[in-house]
Amino acid sequence: MSTTATRTTPGPAGRRGGRGPGGVRPGAPRPAAGPAPSRTPARTATARTTPTRTAPAGTATARTAPPGGTTASVTRAPLPPHILFAERLLAVLSGERPVHWMLGQTVGEAYDQLIRLAPATPLRARGARPVVRRCGGFPLRPGVVEAFASIAAGEQVRAMAFRLEQGTDRKWRCAAVELGSERH
């Protein structure tokens, strides 16, 4: 559940509400000439309410009450890469996203495998939206993870296996994708 909080920040001082210098609306009668009031360099700041941004994708924010009784915002660690890629692959192989959405997130033959698999939308089910039911990963060596996911849509359950490799830029990319046979 994503909530949007608001915060109060100081806004710009000076012109407000369409008023010109001195707080007089343009075209309004000016006060009678007299001794000029002294101007001080001190400005007063006005308060403005702006929405704060929600947590970035892959992170979750929870509201907890610490022992003091007030509510604080706690940001959890980002999801492991194999869980994020299971969701991304599911989106492509169920037809929710186009194949080119994974273009920068694949290496080697994985993109070609997706091009062959995606047109048939093998993970799309009639009626129920497919979801990742279970996902796990096994690190083979630093920077390489073999992962699996079970995809459920109504009564139908499918298996998906994929390999992730971490590049020199520290980004994870999918290197291979395989789907298990259909099971009812």
Protein backbone atom coordinates (compact mmCIF):
# COMPACT_ATOMS: atom_id res chain seq x y z
CA MET A 1 0.00 0.00 0.00
CA SER A 2 1.53 3.27 -1.06
CA THR A 3 0.64 6.41 0.83
CA THR A 4 1.48 9.96 -0.08
CA ALA A 5 2.33 12.29 2.75
CA THR A 6 2.61 16.04 2.63
CA ARG A 7 5.25 18.27 4.05
CA THR A 8 5.43 21.98 4.65
CA THR A 9 8.39 23.83 3.16
CA PRO A 10 9.22 27.50 3.02
CA GLY A 11 8.08 29.05 -0.23
CA PRO A 12 9.23 32.17 -2.04
CA ALA A 13 8.58 35.50 -0.38
CA GLY A 14 7.57 38.57 -2.33
CA ARG A 15 4.76 38.49 -4.87
CA ARG A 16 1.65 36.62 -3.83
CA GLY A 17 -1.82 36.39 -5.25
CA GLY A 18 -1.06 38.43 -8.38
CA ARG A 19 0.08 41.46 -6.37
CA GLY A 20 2.93 43.63 -7.46
CA PRO A 21 5.66 45.13 -5.28
CA GLY A 22 4.41 46.45 -1.98
CA GLY A 23 1.38 44.16 -1.99
CA VAL A 24 -0.69 46.39 -4.31
CA ARG A 25 -2.62 44.84 -7.17
CA PRO A 26 -1.73 46.15 -10.62
CA GLY A 27 -4.20 48.89 -11.59
CA ALA A 28 -5.37 49.49 -7.99
CA PRO A 29 -5.19 53.03 -6.59
CA ARG A 30 -1.91 53.76 -4.83
CA PRO A 31 -1.81 55.24 -1.34
CA ALA A 32 -1.23 58.97 -0.99
CA ALA A 33 2.33 60.15 -1.22
CA GLY A 34 3.97 60.64 2.09
CA PRO A 35 7.15 59.68 3.78
CA ALA A 36 8.45 56.47 2.28
CA PRO A 37 8.29 53.59 4.72
CA SER A 38 11.66 52.14 5.55
CA ARG A 39 12.28 48.82 3.91
CA THR A 40 14.14 46.19 5.80
CA PRO A 41 16.02 43.41 4.07
CA ALA A 42 14.30 40.82 6.27
CA ARG A 43 11.78 38.67 4.39
CA THR A 44 9.09 36.52 5.76
CA ALA A 45 8.69 33.07 4.23
CA THR A 46 5.32 31.72 3.29
CA ALA A 47 4.38 28.11 3.89
CA ARG A 48 3.57 25.87 0.97
CA THR A 49 2.37 22.29 1.08
CA THR A 50 3.95 19.94 -1.45
CA PRO A 51 3.47 16.19 -1.86
CA THR A 52 6.41 13.93 -1.10
CA ARG A 53 7.49 11.22 -3.52
CA THR A 54 6.58 7.62 -2.93
CA ALA A 55 9.21 4.92 -2.58
CA PRO A 56 11.01 3.85 -5.78
CA ALA A 57 10.16 0.57 -7.47
CA GLY A 58 11.55 -2.45 -5.72
CA THR A 59 11.34 -0.93 -2.24
CA ALA A 60 8.53 -1.02 0.26
CA THR A 61 7.66 1.57 2.88
CA ALA A 62 6.00 0.58 6.13
CA ARG A 63 4.52 2.77 8.86
CA THR A 64 5.47 1.60 12.33
CA ALA A 65 4.93 3.04 15.77
CA PRO A 66 8.18 3.25 17.75
CA PRO A 67 8.11 3.03 21.57
CA GLY A 68 7.62 6.83 21.77
CA GLY A 69 4.15 6.43 20.25
CA THR A 70 4.60 8.55 17.13
CA THR A 71 4.45 7.10 13.63
CA ALA A 72 7.70 6.92 11.63
CA SER A 73 8.39 5.93 8.03
CA VAL A 74 10.71 2.95 7.58
CA THR A 75 12.11 1.98 4.18
CA ARG A 76 12.80 -1.70 3.67
CA ALA A 77 15.67 -3.09 1.61
CA PRO A 78 15.09 -3.50 -2.15
CA LEU A 79 13.81 -6.85 -3.37
CA PRO A 80 16.40 -9.40 -4.54
CA PRO A 81 17.05 -9.31 -8.30
CA HIS A 82 15.57 -12.76 -8.98
CA ILE A 83 12.18 -11.67 -7.61
CA LEU A 84 12.19 -8.47 -9.68
CA PHE A 85 13.13 -10.38 -12.84
CA ALA A 86 10.47 -13.03 -12.22
CA GLU A 87 7.86 -10.23 -12.24
CA ARG A 88 9.40 -8.63 -15.34
CA LEU A 89 9.54 -11.89 -17.27
CA LEU A 90 5.97 -12.70 -16.24
CA ALA A 91 4.81 -9.31 -17.58
CA VAL A 92 6.42 -10.01 -20.98
CA LEU A 93 5.45 -13.67 -21.28
CA SER A 94 1.83 -12.99 -20.29
CA GLY A 95 1.47 -10.21 -22.86
CA GLU A 96 1.20 -7.33 -20.37
CA ARG A 97 4.44 -5.76 -21.64
CA PRO A 98 6.13 -5.85 -25.06
CA VAL A 99 9.34 -7.84 -25.53
CA HIS A 100 11.42 -4.73 -26.23
CA TRP A 101 10.71 -3.65 -22.63
CA MET A 102 13.41 -6.18 -21.64
CA LEU A 103 15.94 -5.03 -24.25
CA GLY A 104 18.41 -3.42 -21.84
CA GLN A 105 17.80 -6.04 -19.16
CA THR A 106 18.94 -9.08 -21.15
CA VAL A 107 22.27 -10.34 -22.47
CA GLY A 108 23.24 -13.00 -24.95
CA GLU A 109 20.51 -15.34 -26.11
CA ALA A 110 17.91 -14.38 -23.51
CA TYR A 111 16.40 -11.67 -25.70
CA ASP A 112 16.18 -14.09 -28.65
CA GLN A 113 14.49 -16.63 -26.37
CA LEU A 114 11.95 -14.00 -25.31
CA ILE A 115 11.29 -13.06 -28.95
CA ARG A 116 10.50 -16.72 -29.71
CA LEU A 117 8.37 -17.29 -26.59
CA ALA A 118 6.44 -14.02 -26.20
CA PRO A 119 4.16 -14.06 -29.29
CA ALA A 120 2.39 -17.17 -27.99
CA THR A 121 1.96 -15.49 -24.54
CA PRO A 122 2.62 -18.82 -22.78
CA LEU A 123 1.89 -17.47 -19.30
CA ARG A 124 -1.44 -15.84 -20.15
CA ALA A 125 -4.47 -17.60 -18.73
CA ARG A 126 -8.13 -17.16 -19.52
CA GLY A 127 -9.88 -15.19 -16.81
CA ALA A 128 -7.32 -15.07 -14.01
CA ARG A 129 -4.30 -12.78 -14.05
CA PRO A 130 -1.06 -14.77 -13.67
CA VAL A 131 1.00 -14.12 -10.53
CA VAL A 132 4.36 -15.23 -9.20
CA ARG A 133 3.43 -17.78 -6.55
CA ARG A 134 6.91 -18.76 -5.43
CA CYS A 135 10.38 -17.60 -6.44
CA GLY A 136 13.85 -18.67 -5.39
CA GLY A 137 17.43 -18.19 -6.46
CA PHE A 138 20.71 -20.05 -6.05
CA PRO A 139 23.98 -18.13 -6.40
CA LEU A 140 26.42 -20.19 -8.49
CA ARG A 141 29.31 -17.78 -8.02
CA PRO A 142 29.55 -14.04 -7.36
CA GLY A 143 27.51 -12.21 -9.99
CA VAL A 144 25.58 -15.26 -11.29
CA VAL A 145 22.20 -16.50 -9.99
CA GLU A 146 20.11 -19.42 -11.25
CA ALA A 147 16.48 -18.72 -10.35
CA PHE A 148 13.08 -20.37 -10.60
CA ALA A 149 9.52 -19.18 -10.25
CA SER A 150 6.17 -20.91 -10.17
CA ILE A 151 3.50 -18.93 -11.98
CA ALA A 152 -0.14 -19.45 -11.04
CA ALA A 153 -3.23 -18.33 -12.92
CA GLY A 154 -6.41 -19.81 -11.54
CA GLU A 155 -5.98 -23.60 -11.52
CA GLN A 156 -3.04 -23.50 -13.95
CA VAL A 157 0.54 -23.59 -12.59
CA ARG A 158 3.64 -23.17 -14.77
CA ALA A 159 7.36 -23.29 -14.01
CA MET A 160 9.88 -20.73 -15.20
CA ALA A 161 13.67 -20.92 -14.83
CA PHE A 162 16.07 -18.12 -15.63
CA ARG A 163 19.70 -17.13 -15.17
CA LEU A 164 20.83 -13.69 -14.02
CA GLU A 165 24.30 -12.25 -14.50
CA GLN A 166 25.66 -9.07 -12.95
CA GLY A 167 27.61 -6.87 -15.35
CA THR A 168 30.64 -4.72 -14.66
CA ASP A 169 28.22 -1.81 -14.16
CA ARG A 170 26.70 -3.78 -11.20
CA LYS A 171 23.33 -4.15 -13.00
CA TRP A 172 21.63 -7.52 -13.19
CA ARG A 173 20.60 -8.85 -16.59
CA CYS A 174 18.77 -11.97 -17.67
CA ALA A 175 21.01 -14.40 -19.61
CA ALA A 176 18.61 -17.33 -20.20
CA VAL A 177 14.90 -18.18 -19.86
CA GLU A 178 13.13 -21.54 -19.92
CA LEU A 179 9.50 -22.48 -19.35
CA GLY A 180 8.20 -25.79 -18.06
CA SER A 181 5.36 -27.66 -19.68
CA GLU A 182 1.75 -26.85 -18.92
CA ARG A 183 0.24 -28.59 -15.89
CA HIS A 184 -3.45 -28.57 -14.96
